[in-house]
Amino acid sequence: MTPVNRNKRVVAYSVNPQAPRHEVETNRALARWLAQILGWEYGDSHDPQAGHDLYLLPTQTLIGTETLMRLGV
């Protein structure tokens, strides 16, 4: 059986900084739900200073190596 990393945190990430509030809140709710299912901590919204071991839940597909590197994905 593969060991599970219980130190991970699930965080929401809004790709569009001007996203409607309902889109942002829906993504946060999904991240909370996913954290609960996985038994991980919920870390609210993505913070670039938060470090690694994050499960990033974006509102849209992330495109481009530069974006992935900036977010630490």
PDB file of N, CA and C in Angstrom:
ATOM      1  N   MET A   1       0.831  -1.167   0.000  1.00  0.00           N
ATOM      2  CA  MET A   1       0.000   0.000   0.000  1.00  0.00           C
ATOM      3  C   MET A   1       0.887   1.245   0.000  1.00  0.00           C
ATOM      4  N   THR A   2       0.527   2.250  -0.798  1.00  0.00           N
ATOM      5  CA  THR A   2       1.300   3.481  -0.895  1.00  0.00           C
ATOM      6  C   THR A   2       1.011   4.384   0.300  1.00  0.00           C
ATOM      7  N   PRO A   3       2.057   4.917   0.942  1.00  0.00           N
ATOM      8  CA  PRO A   3       1.816   5.816   2.078  1.00  0.00           C
ATOM      9  C   PRO A   3       1.165   7.116   1.622  1.00  0.00           C
ATOM     10  N   VAL A   4       0.316   7.658   2.467  1.00  0.00           N
ATOM     11  CA  VAL A   4      -0.380   8.897   2.164  1.00  0.00           C
ATOM     12  C   VAL A   4       0.284  10.032   2.912  1.00  0.00           C
ATOM     13  N   ASN A   5       0.553  11.127   2.203  1.00  0.00           N
ATOM     14  CA  ASN A   5       1.159  12.294   2.830  1.00  0.00           C
ATOM     15  C   ASN A   5       0.076  13.097   3.527  1.00  0.00           C
ATOM     16  N   ARG A   6      -0.016  12.999   4.839  1.00  0.00           N
ATOM     17  CA  ARG A   6      -1.046  13.705   5.616  1.00  0.00           C
ATOM     18  C   ARG A   6      -0.663  15.151   5.898  1.00  0.00           C
ATOM     19  N   ASN A   7       0.530  15.575   5.492  1.00  0.00           N
ATOM     20  CA  ASN A   7       0.967  16.942   5.749  1.00  0.00           C
ATOM     21  C   ASN A   7       0.568  17.901   4.632  1.00  0.00           C
ATOM     22  N   LYS A   8      -0.051  17.397   3.605  1.00  0.00           N
ATOM     23  CA  LYS A   8      -0.451  18.263   2.496  1.00  0.00           C
ATOM     24  C   LYS A   8      -1.643  19.121   2.872  1.00  0.00           C
ATOM     25  N   ARG A   9      -1.751  20.264   2.195  1.00  0.00           N
ATOM     26  CA  ARG A   9      -2.899  21.149   2.364  1.00  0.00           C
ATOM     27  C   ARG A   9      -3.533  21.393   1.007  1.00  0.00           C
ATOM     28  N   VAL A  10      -4.835  21.432   0.974  1.00  0.00           N
ATOM     29  CA  VAL A  10      -5.579  21.744  -0.242  1.00  0.00           C
ATOM     30  C   VAL A  10      -5.877  23.233  -0.222  1.00  0.00           C
ATOM     31  N   VAL A  11      -5.512  23.918  -1.312  1.00  0.00           N
ATOM     32  CA  VAL A  11      -5.758  25.356  -1.406  1.00  0.00           C
ATOM     33  C   VAL A  11      -6.482  25.681  -2.708  1.00  0.00           C
ATOM     34  N   ALA A  12      -7.348  26.672  -2.639  1.00  0.00           N
ATOM     35  CA  ALA A  12      -8.069  27.147  -3.815  1.00  0.00           C
ATOM     36  C   ALA A  12      -7.222  28.197  -4.523  1.00  0.00           C
ATOM     37  N   TYR A  13      -7.331  28.233  -5.853  1.00  0.00           N
ATOM     38  CA  TYR A  13      -6.599  29.233  -6.629  1.00  0.00           C
ATOM     39  C   TYR A  13      -7.500  29.755  -7.734  1.00  0.00           C
ATOM     40  N   SER A  14      -7.748  31.053  -7.716  1.00  0.00           N
ATOM     41  CA  SER A  14      -8.546  31.686  -8.753  1.00  0.00           C
ATOM     42  C   SER A  14      -7.619  32.178  -9.845  1.00  0.00           C
ATOM     43  N   VAL A  15      -7.752  31.618 -11.042  1.00  0.00           N
ATOM     44  CA  VAL A  15      -6.903  31.971 -12.174  1.00  0.00           C
ATOM     45  C   VAL A  15      -7.131  33.430 -12.580  1.00  0.00           C
ATOM     46  N   ASN A  16      -8.363  33.875 -12.509  1.00  0.00           N
ATOM     47  CA  ASN A  16      -8.727  35.235 -12.904  1.00  0.00           C
ATOM     48  C   ASN A  16      -8.843  36.115 -11.657  1.00  0.00           C
ATOM     49  N   PRO A  17      -7.951  37.117 -11.509  1.00  0.00           N
ATOM     50  CA  PRO A  17      -8.011  37.977 -10.325  1.00  0.00           C
ATOM     51  C   PRO A  17      -9.327  38.762 -10.211  1.00  0.00           C
ATOM     52  N   GLN A  18     -10.017  38.969 -11.317  1.00  0.00           N
ATOM     53  CA  GLN A  18     -11.293  39.683 -11.304  1.00  0.00           C
ATOM     54  C   GLN A  18     -12.484  38.724 -11.370  1.00  0.00           C
ATOM     55  N   ALA A  19     -12.280  37.497 -10.944  1.00  0.00           N
ATOM     56  CA  ALA A  19     -13.348  36.490 -10.994  1.00  0.00           C
ATOM     57  C   ALA A  19     -14.519  36.927 -10.120  1.00  0.00           C
ATOM     58  N   PRO A  20     -15.739  36.585 -10.548  1.00  0.00           N
ATOM     59  CA  PRO A  20     -16.900  36.896  -9.710  1.00  0.00           C
ATOM     60  C   PRO A  20     -16.784  36.185  -8.355  1.00  0.00           C
ATOM     61  N   ARG A  21     -17.311  36.817  -7.335  1.00  0.00           N
ATOM     62  CA  ARG A  21     -17.218  36.280  -5.969  1.00  0.00           C
ATOM     63  C   ARG A  21     -17.791  34.869  -5.874  1.00  0.00           C
ATOM     64  N   HIS A  22     -18.883  34.587  -6.590  1.00  0.00           N
ATOM     65  CA  HIS A  22     -19.485  33.252  -6.497  1.00  0.00           C
ATOM     66  C   HIS A  22     -18.543  32.181  -7.048  1.00  0.00           C
ATOM     67  N   GLU A  23     -17.747  32.529  -8.055  1.00  0.00           N
ATOM     68  CA  GLU A  23     -16.785  31.574  -8.608  1.00  0.00           C
ATOM     69  C   GLU A  23     -15.680  31.280  -7.593  1.00  0.00           C
ATOM     70  N   VAL A  24     -15.187  32.310  -6.957  1.00  0.00           N
ATOM     71  CA  VAL A  24     -14.134  32.159  -5.948  1.00  0.00           C
ATOM     72  C   VAL A  24     -14.644  31.339  -4.765  1.00  0.00           C
ATOM     73  N   GLU A  25     -15.840  31.657  -4.286  1.00  0.00           N
ATOM     74  CA  GLU A  25     -16.394  30.943  -3.127  1.00  0.00           C
ATOM     75  C   GLU A  25     -16.727  29.490  -3.452  1.00  0.00           C
ATOM     76  N   THR A  26     -17.184  29.243  -4.669  1.00  0.00           N
ATOM     77  CA  THR A  26     -17.451  27.858  -5.087  1.00  0.00           C
ATOM     78  C   THR A  26     -16.158  27.055  -5.097  1.00  0.00           C
ATOM     79  N   ASN A  27     -15.084  27.649  -5.600  1.00  0.00           N
ATOM     80  CA  ASN A  27     -13.797  26.968  -5.641  1.00  0.00           C
ATOM     81  C   ASN A  27     -13.281  26.696  -4.228  1.00  0.00           C
ATOM     82  N   ARG A  28     -13.460  27.647  -3.321  1.00  0.00           N
ATOM     83  CA  ARG A  28     -13.046  27.436  -1.926  1.00  0.00           C
ATOM     84  C   ARG A  28     -13.845  26.304  -1.282  1.00  0.00           C
ATOM     85  N   ALA A  29     -15.137  26.262  -1.563  1.00  0.00           N
ATOM     86  CA  ALA A  29     -15.979  25.197  -1.007  1.00  0.00           C
ATOM     87  C   ALA A  29     -15.533  23.837  -1.538  1.00  0.00           C
ATOM     88  N   LEU A  30     -15.198  23.771  -2.821  1.00  0.00           N
ATOM     89  CA  LEU A  30     -14.709  22.511  -3.400  1.00  0.00           C
ATOM     90  C   LEU A  30     -13.380  22.104  -2.764  1.00  0.00           C
ATOM     91  N   ALA A  31     -12.505  23.066  -2.525  1.00  0.00           N
ATOM     92  CA  ALA A  31     -11.216  22.771  -1.892  1.00  0.00           C
ATOM     93  C   ALA A  31     -11.415  22.259  -0.462  1.00  0.00           C
ATOM     94  N   ARG A  32     -12.341  22.862   0.291  1.00  0.00           N
ATOM     95  CA  ARG A  32     -12.642  22.386   1.658  1.00  0.00           C
ATOM     96  C   ARG A  32     -13.156  20.948   1.622  1.00  0.00           C
ATOM     97  N   TRP A  33     -14.055  20.677   0.674  1.00  0.00           N
ATOM     98  CA  TRP A  33     -14.641  19.343   0.533  1.00  0.00           C
ATOM     99  C   TRP A  33     -13.565  18.324   0.181  1.00  0.00           C
ATOM    100  N   LEU A  34     -12.689  18.675  -0.760  1.00  0.00           N
ATOM    101  CA  LEU A  34     -11.617  17.767  -1.167  1.00  0.00           C
ATOM    102  C   LEU A  34     -10.665  17.497  -0.005  1.00  0.00           C
ATOM    103  N   ALA A  35     -10.332  18.527   0.752  1.00  0.00           N
ATOM    104  CA  ALA A  35      -9.454  18.343   1.914  1.00  0.00           C
ATOM    105  C   ALA A  35     -10.080  17.383   2.911  1.00  0.00           C
ATOM    106  N   GLN A  36     -11.368  17.522   3.124  1.00  0.00           N
ATOM    107  CA  GLN A  36     -12.069  16.640   4.064  1.00  0.00           C
ATOM    108  C   GLN A  36     -12.030  15.194   3.575  1.00  0.00           C
ATOM    109  N   ILE A  37     -12.279  14.985   2.299  1.00  0.00           N
ATOM    110  CA  ILE A  37     -12.275  13.633   1.728  1.00  0.00           C
ATOM    111  C   ILE A  37     -10.887  12.993   1.845  1.00  0.00           C
ATOM    112  N   LEU A  38      -9.841  13.793   1.560  1.00  0.00           N
ATOM    113  CA  LEU A  38      -8.480  13.267   1.588  1.00  0.00           C
ATOM    114  C   LEU A  38      -7.906  13.169   2.997  1.00  0.00           C
ATOM    115  N   GLY A  39      -8.567  13.802   3.965  1.00  0.00           N
ATOM    116  CA  GLY A  39      -8.042  13.818   5.325  1.00  0.00           C
ATOM    117  C   GLY A  39      -6.889  14.776   5.478  1.00  0.00           C
ATOM    118  N   TRP A  40      -6.834  15.802   4.619  1.00  0.00           N
ATOM    119  CA  TRP A  40      -5.769  16.794   4.649  1.00  0.00           C
ATOM    120  C   TRP A  40      -6.310  18.096   5.210  1.00  0.00           C
ATOM    121  N   GLU A  41      -5.414  19.003   5.496  1.00  0.00           N
ATOM    122  CA  GLU A  41      -5.773  20.324   5.993  1.00  0.00           C
ATOM    123  C   GLU A  41      -6.271  21.194   4.834  1.00  0.00           C
ATOM    124  N   TYR A  42      -7.212  22.069   5.121  1.00  0.00           N
ATOM    125  CA  TYR A  42      -7.675  23.046   4.143  1.00  0.00           C
ATOM    126  C   TYR A  42      -6.904  24.333   4.372  1.00  0.00           C
ATOM    127  N   GLY A  43      -6.303  24.870   3.316  1.00  0.00           N
ATOM    128  CA  GLY A  43      -5.458  26.055   3.463  1.00  0.00           C
ATOM    129  C   GLY A  43      -6.020  27.315   2.854  1.00  0.00           C
ATOM    130  N   ASP A  44      -7.338  27.388   2.610  1.00  0.00           N
ATOM    131  CA  ASP A  44      -7.999  28.560   2.047  1.00  0.00           C
ATOM    132  C   ASP A  44      -7.449  28.871   0.655  1.00  0.00           C
ATOM    133  N   SER A  45      -7.130  30.112   0.387  1.00  0.00           N
ATOM    134  CA  SER A  45      -6.662  30.512  -0.943  1.00  0.00           C
ATOM    135  C   SER A  45      -5.152  30.369  -1.051  1.00  0.00           C
ATOM    136  N   HIS A  46      -4.687  30.169  -2.274  1.00  0.00           N
ATOM    137  CA  HIS A  46      -3.260  29.978  -2.529  1.00  0.00           C
ATOM    138  C   HIS A  46      -2.469  31.215  -2.129  1.00  0.00           C
ATOM    139  N   ASP A  47      -1.376  30.980  -1.413  1.00  0.00           N
ATOM    140  CA  ASP A  47      -0.447  32.026  -1.027  1.00  0.00           C
ATOM    141  C   ASP A  47       0.922  31.605  -1.538  1.00  0.00           C
ATOM    142  N   PRO A  48       1.528  32.389  -2.446  1.00  0.00           N
ATOM    143  CA  PRO A  48       2.822  31.996  -3.019  1.00  0.00           C
ATOM    144  C   PRO A  48       3.915  31.777  -1.966  1.00  0.00           C
ATOM    145  N   GLN A  49       3.774  32.370  -0.786  1.00  0.00           N
ATOM    146  CA  GLN A  49       4.769  32.227   0.274  1.00  0.00           C
ATOM    147  C   GLN A  49       4.518  31.007   1.155  1.00  0.00           C
ATOM    148  N   ALA A  50       3.450  30.252   0.883  1.00  0.00           N
ATOM    149  CA  ALA A  50       3.044  29.153   1.761  1.00  0.00           C
ATOM    150  C   ALA A  50       3.954  27.934   1.686  1.00  0.00           C
ATOM    151  N   GLY A  51       4.793  27.856   0.691  1.00  0.00           N
ATOM    152  CA  GLY A  51       5.672  26.699   0.574  1.00  0.00           C
ATOM    153  C   GLY A  51       5.065  25.605  -0.281  1.00  0.00           C
ATOM    154  N   HIS A  52       5.628  24.422  -0.150  1.00  0.00           N
ATOM    155  CA  HIS A  52       5.219  23.308  -0.989  1.00  0.00           C
ATOM    156  C   HIS A  52       4.313  22.357  -0.220  1.00  0.00           C
ATOM    157  N   ASP A  53       4.105  21.196  -0.783  1.00  0.00           N
ATOM    158  CA  ASP A  53       3.184  20.197  -0.261  1.00  0.00           C
ATOM    159  C   ASP A  53       1.747  20.708  -0.272  1.00  0.00           C
ATOM    160  N   LEU A  54       1.446  21.469  -1.334  1.00  0.00           N
ATOM    161  CA  LEU A  54       0.093  21.970  -1.520  1.00  0.00           C
ATOM    162  C   LEU A  54      -0.590  21.215  -2.647  1.00  0.00           C
ATOM    163  N   TYR A  55      -1.856  20.957  -2.471  1.00  0.00           N
ATOM    164  CA  TYR A  55      -2.696  20.437  -3.545  1.00  0.00           C
ATOM    165  C   TYR A  55      -3.483  21.644  -4.032  1.00  0.00           C
ATOM    166  N   LEU A  56      -3.104  22.153  -5.192  1.00  0.00           N
ATOM    167  CA  LEU A  56      -3.686  23.365  -5.737  1.00  0.00           C
ATOM    168  C   LEU A  56      -4.939  23.030  -6.537  1.00  0.00           C
ATOM    169  N   LEU A  57      -6.056  23.650  -6.184  1.00  0.00           N
ATOM    170  CA  LEU A  57      -7.311  23.454  -6.905  1.00  0.00           C
ATOM    171  C   LEU A  57      -7.644  24.748  -7.649  1.00  0.00           C
ATOM    172  N   PRO A  58      -7.239  24.848  -8.931  1.00  0.00           N
ATOM    173  CA  PRO A  58      -7.489  26.071  -9.691  1.00  0.00           C
ATOM    174  C   PRO A  58      -8.922  26.127 -10.230  1.00  0.00           C
ATOM    175  N   THR A  59      -9.358  27.355 -10.538  1.00  0.00           N
ATOM    176  CA  THR A  59     -10.692  27.541 -11.112  1.00  0.00           C
ATOM    177  C   THR A  59     -10.733  27.171 -12.585  1.00  0.00           C
ATOM    178  N   GLN A  60      -9.572  27.160 -13.225  1.00  0.00           N
ATOM    179  CA  GLN A  60      -9.464  26.801 -14.639  1.00  0.00           C
ATOM    180  C   GLN A  60      -8.173  26.022 -14.844  1.00  0.00           C
ATOM    181  N   THR A  61      -8.047  25.419 -16.018  1.00  0.00           N
ATOM    182  CA  THR A  61      -6.829  24.689 -16.348  1.00  0.00           C
ATOM    183  C   THR A  61      -5.647  25.650 -16.381  1.00  0.00           C
ATOM    184  N   LEU A  62      -4.551  25.265 -15.748  1.00  0.00           N
ATOM    185  CA  LEU A  62      -3.337  26.075 -15.751  1.00  0.00           C
ATOM    186  C   LEU A  62      -2.560  25.767 -17.020  1.00  0.00           C
ATOM    187  N   ILE A  63      -2.176  26.814 -17.727  1.00  0.00           N
ATOM    188  CA  ILE A  63      -1.498  26.642 -19.014  1.00  0.00           C
ATOM    189  C   ILE A  63      -0.144  27.339 -18.977  1.00  0.00           C
ATOM    190  N   GLY A  64       0.870  26.639 -19.450  1.00  0.00           N
ATOM    191  CA  GLY A  64       2.196  27.224 -19.598  1.00  0.00           C
ATOM    192  C   GLY A  64       3.135  26.891 -18.460  1.00  0.00           C
ATOM    193  N   THR A  65       4.357  26.604 -18.847  1.00  0.00           N
ATOM    194  CA  THR A  65       5.396  26.254 -17.882  1.00  0.00           C
ATOM    195  C   THR A  65       5.674  27.405 -16.923  1.00  0.00           C
ATOM    196  N   GLU A  66       5.664  28.640 -17.428  1.00  0.00           N
ATOM    197  CA  GLU A  66       5.929  29.801 -16.578  1.00  0.00           C
ATOM    198  C   GLU A  66       4.901  29.893 -15.444  1.00  0.00           C
ATOM    199  N   THR A  67       3.637  29.679 -15.772  1.00  0.00           N
ATOM    200  CA  THR A  67       2.582  29.725 -14.764  1.00  0.00           C
ATOM    201  C   THR A  67       2.786  28.633 -13.726  1.00  0.00           C
ATOM    202  N   LEU A  68       3.084  27.434 -14.183  1.00  0.00           N
ATOM    203  CA  LEU A  68       3.288  26.312 -13.264  1.00  0.00           C
ATOM    204  C   LEU A  68       4.488  26.561 -12.348  1.00  0.00           C
ATOM    205  N   MET A  69       5.557  27.086 -12.894  1.00  0.00           N
ATOM    206  CA  MET A  69       6.748  27.362 -12.094  1.00  0.00           C
ATOM    207  C   MET A  69       6.469  28.456 -11.063  1.00  0.00           C
ATOM    208  N   ARG A  70       5.744  29.499 -11.474  1.00  0.00           N
ATOM    209  CA  ARG A  70       5.423  30.608 -10.564  1.00  0.00           C
ATOM    210  C   ARG A  70       4.585  30.126  -9.385  1.00  0.00           C
ATOM    211  N   LEU A  71       3.685  29.175  -9.648  1.00  0.00           N
ATOM    212  CA  LEU A  71       2.804  28.664  -8.607  1.00  0.00           C
ATOM    213  C   LEU A  71       3.410  27.511  -7.816  1.00  0.00           C
ATOM    214  N   GLY A  72       4.538  27.000  -8.283  1.00  0.00           N
ATOM    215  CA  GLY A  72       5.187  25.890  -7.599  1.00  0.00           C
ATOM    216  C   GLY A  72       4.512  24.558  -7.843  1.00  0.00           C
ATOM    217  N   VAL A  73       3.903  24.426  -9.007  1.00  0.00           N
ATOM    218  CA  VAL A  73       3.191  23.182  -9.360  1.00  0.00           C
ATOM    219  C   VAL A  73       4.142  22.269 -10.096  1.00  0.00           C
TER     220      VAL A  73
END
